[in-house]
Amino acid sequence: MSNVVLERFRNTLFWWLDTLKGSPIKKHLNDISDTLNNFEITKIKREQNLAKLLKHSIQTTPFYKSLNLSEKDFEQFPVINKIEITENQELFKSSVFLNKKNITRSTSGSTGTPFKVLHNTNKIYRNSADTIYFSELAGFKIGYQLWYLRYWGLNFKNSNFKNWAQNLKPIEVINLNNERIENLIKQIKNSSGHKGWLGFPSAFEQVCKFLDDKDEKPIDANFKSIIGMAEGISAYTKQRMAYYFNCPMLSRYSNMENGILAQQTPNSEAFQINWASYHIEILNLHNNEKAPKGELGRIVVTDLYSYAMPLIRYDTGDLGAMDFTVSPPTLKRIEGRKTDTIYNTKGVIVSSFIMINSVHFDGIKQIQLIQESKTNYTIKLNCSRDFKFKNQLIGKFKSFLGEDAVINIITVDEIPLLSSGKRKMTLNKMNTQRK
């Protein structure tokens, strides 16, 4: 049986099984499409979904019940974060779902703080529908091969049968060396059928640099989508992935505790927000007031479908800026976690995209910028032995950080991955020390 026939079989089987359950995923998918394609018309429905969640949380969770709030007082609800939830786990759990079939989602992410939330069955269906909707926007359909580069720790590994059933090709990013990349490319070339990439941009960058070194030509492997997640994507990675696999690369903004919050579309650098499943606010960097329209602030999420453990006004720890000149509003900028945010010597936030300038210097394999203090920075550099551009590199970064910046370069053999399998390009030790 050919791969294309198997793709159709998997797609048909998926929707047949959903139909047997009463079509919960299909119903959610239709709702997501209707909400996002008719944003103004569905405003009342979104407001009703929010009020319903708030009322549920007030009536069934100890934390919100104790605050004497009304579902009409959304902005009076406190802004919460990982630490508060972790320290008060039981207070955030809904009594209605305590003895029901829930799934625990856990992550340490890039913070190192273990974090667990409960997802009720309807939330799980909603997340599945969100994934299908946003994957299709990128060109990927159920049944296609999904080549997935991430950290596949024990919590994420599937059985071989499940991987076959889902047409999933798990690729481990830990110890992703040239030998393994070469073998991966051979597998891709020898595999027929429609394909999609999903994974960490830092791993995709390694693939691109390997192909660059081999002076490879574009690979005709029938890729229909390329989605980077969990990290920012450099212009280099985006351009080279599109070149080698003949498909635009998009960035997805998501997390384990919520799901898909936003994603780029093929024709725009802005992120389409998942207003169908979440209410998103941009709050001031230093208090819980709304950030001025269009300015950078903290991304705060209310999950409209998480009922087993409501996440209302949840501070993701990420920074972003929203574009209100379009309808629905989009995220025009996502800067990553506050502990990853770099400031220049005047105390002004510098975009993480300054890191893409490293691609202009031949010989750099990996790079990480660390802010040690207001004016002191360290650049960790994994580079070739004959790298001759350290002074030019310092000059380039001074043009962004300030001419009075003190920049020290440390040469290393490897910039290690986090326990999550991600690799940080920026780190602010100043922010870490303030906590």
Foldseek 3Di string as FASTA:
>chain_A
DALAVQLVVLQVVVQVVCVVVVNLLVVLLVLLCCCLVVVVVCPVVLLVLQLVLLVLQCVFAQVNVVPPDHSVPQLVDDAAEQVVCVVVVRRQFGPVPPPPDWDKFWDCAPVNDIGIDTFDPSLVSNQVSVCQNVCVLQQDHFSFAEEEEWACPPVRDDDPVVCVSRNYRYDYLVPCDLVNLVVVVVVLLPGAGEYEYEYAQLSLVLSLVSCVVVVHFARARRYRGAEHESDDHAPVSQVSVCGNDVGGYKYFYADRNAHTQWIDGRVDNWTHGSSSFKDWFFAAAPDRHGDPAFDKGFIFIFGSRGSRRGRRRYGHQWIFHWDVVDPPITTNGTQGHPQQWDAALVRHTFGPNLVSVVVVFPFFDAWAWEAPDSQEIEIETAGDPPRDCPVVVVVSVCVRRPVSHHYHYDYDNDQDADPRSHGRRGGYVVVVVVD
